[in-house]
Amino acid sequence: MSVLNDEEIKKQIEENKLVDNYINRDKQVTENGFDVTLLSVETFATKGAIDFSNNERVISDTRLLEPKKRKPEDKYGWWGLDPGAYKVKTNEIFNMPKNLIAFGQTRSTLLRNGAFINSGIVDAGFSGRLEFLLQVVNPEGILLKENCRFHQIVFARIKEVEKGYSGKYHKNHEQ
């Protein structure tokens, strides 16, 4: 397994649309990853359930939080988040080939402000927007602006898989 550098990531974006719907490729591609931007924030509204086979799986319902503009003429708004757990979604759409996986790391700016992201592996063959768990632990909360860069995705090359991801969230391009 080897991690892709900035030039390899740019090449994958140009040739294979590895990442689509980004805001500014040159700003978001880092030396060894890709900074994703914030599309939406949701609160958890119901309890979820997880079992071995997924036959009894229940995904928690969520409520979309609307960002608030500071001035009417502002182009983007802010989410004022109290301590707690939130589901966040990326603007970007990922199109993973069968020989790449990805994993995420919280950007240090988010950590320095008392919040972090928990995320799973992005499977080979997955296509769609990414969703993460945002934990705000700062007792004063945090302000996040629409489209802020909040999480870094690192890509790793693997031996090509026979069958790529085809689960419930495959091709989830919804906003």
N, C-alpha and C. Protein backbone atom coordinates (compact mmCIF):
# COMPACT_ATOMS: atom_id res chain seq x y z
N MET A 1 0.85 -1.17 0.00
CA MET A 1 0.00 0.00 0.00
C MET A 1 0.89 1.23 0.00
N SER A 2 0.60 2.18 -0.90
CA SER A 2 1.35 3.44 -0.93
C SER A 2 0.37 4.60 -0.99
N VAL A 3 0.74 5.69 -0.33
CA VAL A 3 -0.11 6.88 -0.26
C VAL A 3 0.17 7.76 -1.48
N LEU A 4 -0.90 8.29 -2.09
CA LEU A 4 -0.75 9.16 -3.25
C LEU A 4 -0.28 10.54 -2.83
N ASN A 5 0.62 11.12 -3.63
CA ASN A 5 1.07 12.49 -3.38
C ASN A 5 0.21 13.46 -4.19
N ASP A 6 0.51 14.74 -4.08
CA ASP A 6 -0.32 15.76 -4.72
C ASP A 6 -0.40 15.60 -6.24
N GLU A 7 0.71 15.30 -6.88
CA GLU A 7 0.70 15.15 -8.34
C GLU A 7 -0.14 13.94 -8.77
N GLU A 8 -0.04 12.84 -8.03
CA GLU A 8 -0.85 11.66 -8.35
C GLU A 8 -2.34 11.93 -8.13
N ILE A 9 -2.66 12.68 -7.08
CA ILE A 9 -4.06 13.02 -6.82
C ILE A 9 -4.61 13.89 -7.94
N LYS A 10 -3.86 14.92 -8.33
CA LYS A 10 -4.30 15.80 -9.43
C LYS A 10 -4.50 15.01 -10.72
N LYS A 11 -3.60 14.08 -11.00
CA LYS A 11 -3.72 13.26 -12.21
C LYS A 11 -4.99 12.40 -12.15
N GLN A 12 -5.25 11.80 -10.99
CA GLN A 12 -6.46 10.98 -10.83
C GLN A 12 -7.73 11.83 -10.97
N ILE A 13 -7.69 13.07 -10.49
CA ILE A 13 -8.84 13.96 -10.62
C ILE A 13 -9.07 14.30 -12.08
N GLU A 14 -8.01 14.66 -12.79
CA GLU A 14 -8.12 15.04 -14.20
C GLU A 14 -8.53 13.88 -15.09
N GLU A 15 -7.92 12.73 -14.90
CA GLU A 15 -8.14 11.60 -15.80
C GLU A 15 -9.34 10.73 -15.43
N ASN A 16 -9.63 10.61 -14.13
CA ASN A 16 -10.66 9.66 -13.69
C ASN A 16 -11.75 10.26 -12.82
N LYS A 17 -11.75 11.60 -12.66
CA LYS A 17 -12.72 12.26 -11.79
C LYS A 17 -12.76 11.64 -10.39
N LEU A 18 -11.57 11.34 -9.86
CA LEU A 18 -11.47 10.79 -8.51
C LEU A 18 -12.27 11.63 -7.53
N VAL A 19 -12.15 12.95 -7.64
CA VAL A 19 -12.94 13.88 -6.84
C VAL A 19 -13.62 14.83 -7.81
N ASP A 20 -14.92 15.03 -7.62
CA ASP A 20 -15.70 15.91 -8.47
C ASP A 20 -16.46 16.88 -7.57
N ASN A 21 -16.94 17.96 -8.13
CA ASN A 21 -17.75 18.94 -7.40
C ASN A 21 -16.94 19.65 -6.31
N TYR A 22 -15.64 19.79 -6.51
CA TYR A 22 -14.80 20.51 -5.55
C TYR A 22 -14.92 22.02 -5.81
N ILE A 23 -14.47 22.80 -4.86
CA ILE A 23 -14.56 24.26 -4.96
C ILE A 23 -13.33 24.84 -5.64
N ASN A 24 -12.14 24.43 -5.20
CA ASN A 24 -10.89 24.95 -5.75
C ASN A 24 -9.83 23.86 -5.64
N ARG A 25 -9.64 23.14 -6.73
CA ARG A 25 -8.74 21.98 -6.70
C ARG A 25 -7.35 22.33 -6.17
N ASP A 26 -6.79 23.44 -6.65
CA ASP A 26 -5.42 23.78 -6.25
C ASP A 26 -5.31 24.09 -4.76
N LYS A 27 -6.35 24.66 -4.18
CA LYS A 27 -6.36 24.95 -2.75
C LYS A 27 -6.64 23.69 -1.93
N GLN A 28 -7.44 22.78 -2.47
CA GLN A 28 -7.88 21.61 -1.71
C GLN A 28 -6.91 20.43 -1.79
N VAL A 29 -6.14 20.32 -2.87
CA VAL A 29 -5.14 19.26 -2.95
C VAL A 29 -3.96 19.68 -2.10
N THR A 30 -3.58 18.81 -1.16
CA THR A 30 -2.43 19.08 -0.29
C THR A 30 -1.28 18.16 -0.71
N GLU A 31 -0.17 18.25 -0.01
CA GLU A 31 1.00 17.44 -0.36
C GLU A 31 0.70 15.95 -0.41
N ASN A 32 -0.21 15.51 0.44
CA ASN A 32 -0.50 14.07 0.51
C ASN A 32 -1.98 13.79 0.77
N GLY A 33 -2.85 14.67 0.29
CA GLY A 33 -4.27 14.42 0.50
C GLY A 33 -5.14 15.44 -0.19
N PHE A 34 -6.41 15.45 0.22
CA PHE A 34 -7.40 16.34 -0.37
C PHE A 34 -8.29 16.86 0.75
N ASP A 35 -8.36 18.19 0.91
CA ASP A 35 -9.22 18.79 1.93
C ASP A 35 -10.65 18.86 1.42
N VAL A 36 -11.58 18.23 2.16
CA VAL A 36 -12.99 18.29 1.78
C VAL A 36 -13.66 19.49 2.44
N THR A 37 -14.76 19.93 1.82
CA THR A 37 -15.47 21.12 2.29
C THR A 37 -16.87 20.75 2.75
N LEU A 38 -17.40 21.61 3.61
CA LEU A 38 -18.65 21.33 4.32
C LEU A 38 -19.88 21.75 3.53
N LEU A 39 -20.71 20.77 3.19
CA LEU A 39 -21.97 21.01 2.49
C LEU A 39 -23.12 21.17 3.48
N SER A 40 -23.20 20.24 4.45
CA SER A 40 -24.36 20.27 5.35
C SER A 40 -24.00 19.73 6.73
N VAL A 41 -24.83 20.14 7.70
CA VAL A 41 -24.71 19.68 9.08
C VAL A 41 -26.09 19.22 9.52
N GLU A 42 -26.15 18.05 10.16
CA GLU A 42 -27.42 17.50 10.64
C GLU A 42 -27.28 17.06 12.09
N THR A 43 -28.39 17.13 12.82
CA THR A 43 -28.42 16.60 14.18
C THR A 43 -29.12 15.24 14.14
N PHE A 44 -28.80 14.40 15.09
CA PHE A 44 -29.43 13.08 15.18
C PHE A 44 -30.78 13.21 15.87
N ALA A 45 -31.81 12.60 15.26
CA ALA A 45 -33.18 12.73 15.77
C ALA A 45 -33.73 11.43 16.36
N THR A 46 -33.17 10.30 15.95
CA THR A 46 -33.66 9.01 16.45
C THR A 46 -32.48 8.09 16.75
N LYS A 47 -32.79 7.02 17.45
CA LYS A 47 -31.80 6.00 17.79
C LYS A 47 -31.57 5.11 16.56
N GLY A 48 -30.34 4.67 16.35
CA GLY A 48 -30.03 3.72 15.29
C GLY A 48 -29.88 2.32 15.85
N ALA A 49 -29.78 1.32 14.96
CA ALA A 49 -29.58 -0.07 15.38
C ALA A 49 -28.61 -0.73 14.40
N ILE A 50 -27.67 -1.52 14.94
CA ILE A 50 -26.67 -2.20 14.12
C ILE A 50 -26.66 -3.67 14.50
N ASP A 51 -26.71 -4.55 13.49
CA ASP A 51 -26.60 -5.99 13.71
C ASP A 51 -25.55 -6.55 12.77
N PHE A 52 -25.29 -7.83 12.82
CA PHE A 52 -24.24 -8.45 12.01
C PHE A 52 -24.59 -8.45 10.52
N SER A 53 -25.80 -8.87 10.17
CA SER A 53 -26.17 -9.07 8.76
C SER A 53 -26.73 -7.83 8.08
N ASN A 54 -26.99 -6.78 8.83
CA ASN A 54 -27.66 -5.57 8.35
C ASN A 54 -29.15 -5.78 8.09
N ASN A 55 -29.68 -6.96 8.38
CA ASN A 55 -31.11 -7.21 8.20
C ASN A 55 -31.96 -6.38 9.16
N GLU A 56 -31.40 -6.07 10.32
CA GLU A 56 -32.14 -5.30 11.32
C GLU A 56 -31.52 -3.92 11.53
N ARG A 57 -30.67 -3.54 10.62
CA ARG A 57 -30.01 -2.23 10.72
C ARG A 57 -31.05 -1.11 10.58
N VAL A 58 -30.90 -0.12 11.41
CA VAL A 58 -31.72 1.09 11.32
C VAL A 58 -30.76 2.27 11.37
N ILE A 59 -30.80 3.10 10.35
CA ILE A 59 -29.97 4.30 10.32
C ILE A 59 -30.74 5.42 11.01
N SER A 60 -30.10 6.11 11.92
CA SER A 60 -30.74 7.20 12.66
C SER A 60 -31.28 8.26 11.72
N ASP A 61 -32.49 8.73 12.01
CA ASP A 61 -33.02 9.89 11.30
C ASP A 61 -32.24 11.12 11.75
N THR A 62 -32.16 12.10 10.87
CA THR A 62 -31.46 13.34 11.20
C THR A 62 -32.32 14.53 10.82
N ARG A 63 -31.97 15.68 11.37
CA ARG A 63 -32.60 16.95 11.02
C ARG A 63 -31.53 17.88 10.47
N LEU A 64 -31.80 18.42 9.30
CA LEU A 64 -30.87 19.34 8.65
C LEU A 64 -30.86 20.68 9.38
N LEU A 65 -29.67 21.17 9.70
CA LEU A 65 -29.52 22.49 10.31
C LEU A 65 -29.23 23.50 9.21
N GLU A 66 -29.88 24.63 9.27
CA GLU A 66 -29.66 25.68 8.27
C GLU A 66 -28.58 26.65 8.76
N PRO A 67 -27.62 26.97 7.90
CA PRO A 67 -26.62 27.97 8.30
C PRO A 67 -27.26 29.36 8.33
N LYS A 68 -26.72 30.21 9.18
CA LYS A 68 -27.25 31.57 9.33
C LYS A 68 -26.24 32.58 8.79
N LYS A 69 -26.74 33.50 7.95
CA LYS A 69 -25.89 34.56 7.41
C LYS A 69 -25.77 35.67 8.45
N ARG A 70 -24.58 36.22 8.56
CA ARG A 70 -24.35 37.32 9.51
C ARG A 70 -24.98 38.61 9.00
N LYS A 71 -24.89 38.83 7.67
CA LYS A 71 -25.50 40.00 7.03
C LYS A 71 -26.28 39.49 5.82
N PRO A 72 -27.39 40.14 5.47
CA PRO A 72 -28.20 39.66 4.34
C PRO A 72 -27.42 39.53 3.04
N GLU A 73 -26.42 40.38 2.85
CA GLU A 73 -25.66 40.34 1.59
C GLU A 73 -24.56 39.27 1.58
N ASP A 74 -24.33 38.60 2.70
CA ASP A 74 -23.33 37.53 2.75
C ASP A 74 -23.72 36.40 1.80
N LYS A 75 -22.72 35.86 1.13
CA LYS A 75 -22.96 34.75 0.21
C LYS A 75 -23.15 33.44 0.97
N TYR A 76 -22.43 33.26 2.07
CA TYR A 76 -22.48 32.01 2.83
C TYR A 76 -22.81 32.27 4.29
N GLY A 77 -23.41 31.26 4.90
CA GLY A 77 -23.78 31.36 6.30
C GLY A 77 -22.87 30.53 7.19
N TRP A 78 -23.20 30.56 8.47
CA TRP A 78 -22.42 29.86 9.50
C TRP A 78 -23.33 28.93 10.29
N TRP A 79 -22.76 27.83 10.73
CA TRP A 79 -23.43 26.96 11.69
C TRP A 79 -22.80 27.24 13.05
N GLY A 80 -23.62 27.60 14.03
CA GLY A 80 -23.16 27.74 15.41
C GLY A 80 -23.52 26.46 16.14
N LEU A 81 -22.52 25.64 16.43
CA LEU A 81 -22.77 24.30 16.98
C LEU A 81 -22.38 24.22 18.45
N ASP A 82 -23.30 23.75 19.26
CA ASP A 82 -23.03 23.47 20.67
C ASP A 82 -22.28 22.15 20.79
N PRO A 83 -21.72 21.86 21.96
CA PRO A 83 -21.08 20.56 22.15
C PRO A 83 -22.07 19.43 21.83
N GLY A 84 -21.56 18.40 21.17
CA GLY A 84 -22.40 17.27 20.81
C GLY A 84 -21.95 16.60 19.54
N ALA A 85 -22.80 15.69 19.05
CA ALA A 85 -22.50 14.89 17.86
C ALA A 85 -23.37 15.36 16.69
N TYR A 86 -22.76 15.45 15.52
CA TYR A 86 -23.43 15.91 14.31
C TYR A 86 -23.01 15.05 13.13
N LYS A 87 -23.91 14.89 12.16
CA LYS A 87 -23.54 14.25 10.89
C LYS A 87 -23.24 15.37 9.91
N VAL A 88 -22.08 15.27 9.25
CA VAL A 88 -21.68 16.28 8.28
C VAL A 88 -21.44 15.61 6.93
N LYS A 89 -21.68 16.38 5.86
CA LYS A 89 -21.57 15.84 4.51
C LYS A 89 -20.68 16.77 3.68
N THR A 90 -19.96 16.18 2.72
CA THR A 90 -19.04 16.93 1.86
C THR A 90 -19.74 17.45 0.60
N ASN A 91 -19.24 18.59 0.12
CA ASN A 91 -19.63 19.06 -1.21
C ASN A 91 -19.14 18.09 -2.28
N GLU A 92 -17.96 17.56 -2.05
CA GLU A 92 -17.27 16.77 -3.06
C GLU A 92 -17.92 15.39 -3.24
N ILE A 93 -17.85 14.92 -4.48
CA ILE A 93 -18.29 13.57 -4.83
C ILE A 93 -17.05 12.77 -5.19
N PHE A 94 -16.90 11.61 -4.57
CA PHE A 94 -15.74 10.76 -4.78
C PHE A 94 -16.10 9.60 -5.69
N ASN A 95 -15.20 9.27 -6.60
CA ASN A 95 -15.36 8.16 -7.54
C ASN A 95 -14.11 7.29 -7.42
N MET A 96 -14.17 6.35 -6.49
CA MET A 96 -13.00 5.55 -6.17
C MET A 96 -12.82 4.42 -7.17
N PRO A 97 -11.65 4.33 -7.81
CA PRO A 97 -11.37 3.17 -8.66
C PRO A 97 -11.17 1.93 -7.78
N LYS A 98 -11.07 0.79 -8.41
CA LYS A 98 -10.95 -0.47 -7.67
C LYS A 98 -9.55 -0.72 -7.11
N ASN A 99 -8.62 0.21 -7.37
CA ASN A 99 -7.27 0.04 -6.82
C ASN A 99 -6.89 1.15 -5.83
N LEU A 100 -7.89 1.91 -5.36
CA LEU A 100 -7.63 2.94 -4.36
C LEU A 100 -8.64 2.83 -3.22
N ILE A 101 -8.16 3.10 -2.00
CA ILE A 101 -9.03 3.31 -0.85
C ILE A 101 -8.66 4.67 -0.29
N ALA A 102 -9.46 5.17 0.62
CA ALA A 102 -9.14 6.46 1.24
C ALA A 102 -9.55 6.43 2.70
N PHE A 103 -8.87 7.24 3.48
CA PHE A 103 -9.23 7.39 4.88
C PHE A 103 -9.04 8.86 5.24
N GLY A 104 -9.66 9.29 6.32
CA GLY A 104 -9.66 10.70 6.66
C GLY A 104 -8.95 11.01 7.95
N GLN A 105 -8.49 12.24 8.02
CA GLN A 105 -7.86 12.79 9.22
C GLN A 105 -8.45 14.18 9.46
N THR A 106 -8.80 14.46 10.70
CA THR A 106 -9.31 15.78 11.04
C THR A 106 -8.24 16.83 10.77
N ARG A 107 -8.63 17.93 10.15
CA ARG A 107 -7.68 19.03 9.95
C ARG A 107 -7.31 19.62 11.30
N SER A 108 -6.06 20.00 11.45
CA SER A 108 -5.57 20.48 12.75
C SER A 108 -6.30 21.75 13.20
N THR A 109 -6.77 22.57 12.27
CA THR A 109 -7.52 23.77 12.64
C THR A 109 -8.79 23.40 13.40
N LEU A 110 -9.47 22.36 12.96
CA LEU A 110 -10.67 21.90 13.66
C LEU A 110 -10.31 21.41 15.06
N LEU A 111 -9.23 20.63 15.15
CA LEU A 111 -8.77 20.13 16.46
C LEU A 111 -8.43 21.28 17.41
N ARG A 112 -7.75 22.28 16.90
CA ARG A 112 -7.35 23.42 17.74
C ARG A 112 -8.55 24.21 18.27
N ASN A 113 -9.70 24.00 17.64
CA ASN A 113 -10.91 24.69 18.07
C ASN A 113 -11.86 23.77 18.83
N GLY A 114 -11.38 22.60 19.23
CA GLY A 114 -12.16 21.74 20.11
C GLY A 114 -13.18 20.85 19.43
N ALA A 115 -12.87 20.41 18.22
CA ALA A 115 -13.78 19.51 17.51
C ALA A 115 -12.96 18.52 16.69
N PHE A 116 -13.55 17.38 16.39
CA PHE A 116 -12.86 16.39 15.56
C PHE A 116 -13.87 15.57 14.77
N ILE A 117 -13.35 14.88 13.76
CA ILE A 117 -14.16 14.06 12.87
C ILE A 117 -13.82 12.60 13.08
N ASN A 118 -14.83 11.76 13.13
CA ASN A 118 -14.65 10.30 13.07
C ASN A 118 -15.13 9.86 11.70
N SER A 119 -14.34 9.03 11.05
CA SER A 119 -14.71 8.59 9.71
C SER A 119 -14.25 7.17 9.46
N GLY A 120 -14.95 6.51 8.56
CA GLY A 120 -14.58 5.16 8.17
C GLY A 120 -13.73 5.18 6.90
N ILE A 121 -13.35 4.01 6.46
CA ILE A 121 -12.59 3.85 5.21
C ILE A 121 -13.52 4.12 4.03
N VAL A 122 -13.00 4.80 3.01
CA VAL A 122 -13.73 4.94 1.75
C VAL A 122 -13.29 3.76 0.89
N ASP A 123 -14.22 2.86 0.63
CA ASP A 123 -13.90 1.60 -0.04
C ASP A 123 -13.58 1.77 -1.52
N ALA A 124 -12.75 0.86 -2.02
CA ALA A 124 -12.48 0.77 -3.46
C ALA A 124 -13.81 0.58 -4.18
N GLY A 125 -14.03 1.34 -5.26
CA GLY A 125 -15.25 1.23 -6.03
C GLY A 125 -16.39 2.11 -5.56
N PHE A 126 -16.24 2.79 -4.41
CA PHE A 126 -17.31 3.66 -3.89
C PHE A 126 -17.45 4.89 -4.77
N SER A 127 -18.69 5.35 -4.94
CA SER A 127 -18.96 6.61 -5.61
C SER A 127 -20.03 7.36 -4.83
N GLY A 128 -19.75 8.60 -4.48
CA GLY A 128 -20.75 9.40 -3.77
C GLY A 128 -20.11 10.45 -2.88
N ARG A 129 -20.98 11.16 -2.17
CA ARG A 129 -20.53 12.14 -1.18
C ARG A 129 -20.12 11.40 0.08
N LEU A 130 -19.21 11.98 0.83
CA LEU A 130 -18.78 11.38 2.09
C LEU A 130 -19.55 11.99 3.25
N GLU A 131 -19.86 11.16 4.24
CA GLU A 131 -20.52 11.60 5.47
C GLU A 131 -19.65 11.19 6.65
N PHE A 132 -19.58 12.07 7.65
CA PHE A 132 -18.74 11.83 8.81
C PHE A 132 -19.49 12.18 10.09
N LEU A 133 -18.93 11.74 11.20
CA LEU A 133 -19.41 12.14 12.51
C LEU A 133 -18.53 13.28 13.02
N LEU A 134 -19.12 14.43 13.26
CA LEU A 134 -18.42 15.57 13.84
C LEU A 134 -18.73 15.60 15.33
N GLN A 135 -17.68 15.61 16.14
CA GLN A 135 -17.83 15.72 17.59
C GLN A 135 -17.31 17.09 18.02
N VAL A 136 -18.19 17.88 18.60
CA VAL A 136 -17.79 19.18 19.15
C VAL A 136 -17.62 18.99 20.65
N VAL A 137 -16.40 19.15 21.14
CA VAL A 137 -16.12 18.96 22.57
C VAL A 137 -15.75 20.26 23.27
N ASN A 138 -15.53 21.31 22.53
CA ASN A 138 -15.28 22.62 23.11
C ASN A 138 -16.53 23.04 23.89
N PRO A 139 -16.43 23.30 25.19
CA PRO A 139 -17.62 23.66 25.97
C PRO A 139 -18.32 24.92 25.46
N GLU A 140 -17.60 25.76 24.71
CA GLU A 140 -18.19 26.97 24.14
C GLU A 140 -18.79 26.73 22.76
N GLY A 141 -18.59 25.54 22.20
CA GLY A 141 -19.09 25.24 20.86
C GLY A 141 -18.11 25.66 19.78
N ILE A 142 -18.60 25.72 18.55
CA ILE A 142 -17.74 26.09 17.41
C ILE A 142 -18.61 26.71 16.33
N LEU A 143 -18.01 27.60 15.54
CA LEU A 143 -18.65 28.18 14.36
C LEU A 143 -17.99 27.59 13.12
N LEU A 144 -18.80 27.08 12.20
CA LEU A 144 -18.29 26.55 10.94
C LEU A 144 -19.01 27.25 9.80
N LYS A 145 -18.25 27.78 8.85
CA LYS A 145 -18.83 28.48 7.71
C LYS A 145 -19.10 27.50 6.58
N GLU A 146 -20.16 27.75 5.84
CA GLU A 146 -20.45 26.92 4.67
C GLU A 146 -19.20 26.83 3.80
N ASN A 147 -18.92 25.65 3.30
CA ASN A 147 -17.79 25.38 2.40
C ASN A 147 -16.42 25.43 3.07
N CYS A 148 -16.37 25.50 4.41
CA CYS A 148 -15.05 25.49 5.06
C CYS A 148 -14.36 24.14 4.82
N ARG A 149 -13.03 24.16 4.78
CA ARG A 149 -12.26 22.93 4.69
C ARG A 149 -12.15 22.36 6.10
N PHE A 150 -12.61 21.12 6.29
CA PHE A 150 -12.69 20.60 7.66
C PHE A 150 -12.07 19.22 7.87
N HIS A 151 -11.76 18.50 6.81
CA HIS A 151 -11.27 17.12 6.95
C HIS A 151 -10.36 16.83 5.77
N GLN A 152 -9.29 16.07 6.00
CA GLN A 152 -8.38 15.73 4.91
C GLN A 152 -8.52 14.25 4.57
N ILE A 153 -8.66 13.99 3.28
CA ILE A 153 -8.77 12.62 2.78
C ILE A 153 -7.42 12.21 2.21
N VAL A 154 -6.94 11.05 2.63
CA VAL A 154 -5.66 10.50 2.16
C VAL A 154 -5.98 9.26 1.33
N PHE A 155 -5.41 9.18 0.14
CA PHE A 155 -5.66 8.07 -0.77
C PHE A 155 -4.50 7.07 -0.73
N ALA A 156 -4.83 5.80 -0.75
CA ALA A 156 -3.81 4.75 -0.73
C ALA A 156 -4.09 3.76 -1.85
N ARG A 157 -3.03 3.40 -2.54
CA ARG A 157 -3.12 2.43 -3.64
C ARG A 157 -3.07 1.02 -3.05
N ILE A 158 -3.97 0.15 -3.53
CA ILE A 158 -4.02 -1.25 -3.11
C ILE A 158 -4.05 -2.13 -4.36
N LYS A 159 -3.88 -3.42 -4.17
CA LYS A 159 -4.07 -4.35 -5.27
C LYS A 159 -5.54 -4.28 -5.67
N GLU A 160 -5.81 -4.18 -6.96
CA GLU A 160 -7.19 -3.99 -7.43
C GLU A 160 -8.11 -5.09 -6.92
N VAL A 161 -9.28 -4.67 -6.42
CA VAL A 161 -10.28 -5.62 -5.94
C VAL A 161 -11.13 -6.09 -7.12
N GLU A 162 -11.66 -7.30 -7.00
CA GLU A 162 -12.48 -7.86 -8.08
C GLU A 162 -13.81 -7.13 -8.19
N LYS A 163 -14.46 -6.94 -7.04
CA LYS A 163 -15.76 -6.29 -7.02
C LYS A 163 -15.67 -5.10 -6.07
N GLY A 164 -15.95 -3.91 -6.57
CA GLY A 164 -15.89 -2.72 -5.73
C GLY A 164 -17.12 -2.59 -4.84
N TYR A 165 -17.12 -1.57 -4.00
CA TYR A 165 -18.22 -1.30 -3.07
C TYR A 165 -19.55 -1.21 -3.82
N SER A 166 -20.57 -1.85 -3.27
CA SER A 166 -21.90 -1.79 -3.89
C SER A 166 -22.99 -1.70 -2.83
N GLY A 167 -22.65 -1.19 -1.66
CA GLY A 167 -23.59 -1.13 -0.54
C GLY A 167 -24.60 0.00 -0.64
N LYS A 168 -25.30 0.20 0.46
CA LYS A 168 -26.41 1.14 0.57
C LYS A 168 -26.04 2.56 0.13
N TYR A 169 -24.82 2.98 0.37
CA TYR A 169 -24.45 4.37 0.12
C TYR A 169 -23.74 4.58 -1.21
N HIS A 170 -23.65 3.53 -2.03
CA HIS A 170 -23.01 3.64 -3.34
C HIS A 170 -23.83 4.58 -4.22
N LYS A 171 -23.16 5.47 -4.88
CA LYS A 171 -23.77 6.46 -5.78
C LYS A 171 -24.73 7.39 -5.04
N ASN A 172 -24.41 7.69 -3.79
CA ASN A 172 -25.18 8.64 -3.00
C ASN A 172 -24.65 10.04 -3.29
N HIS A 173 -25.24 10.69 -4.28
CA HIS A 173 -24.80 12.02 -4.68
C HIS A 173 -25.75 13.10 -4.18
N GLU A 174 -26.71 12.72 -3.35
CA GLU A 174 -27.70 13.67 -2.85
C GLU A 174 -27.05 14.75 -2.02
N GLN A 175 -27.69 15.91 -2.05
CA GLN A 175 -27.23 17.00 -1.20
C GLN A 175 -27.98 16.90 0.06
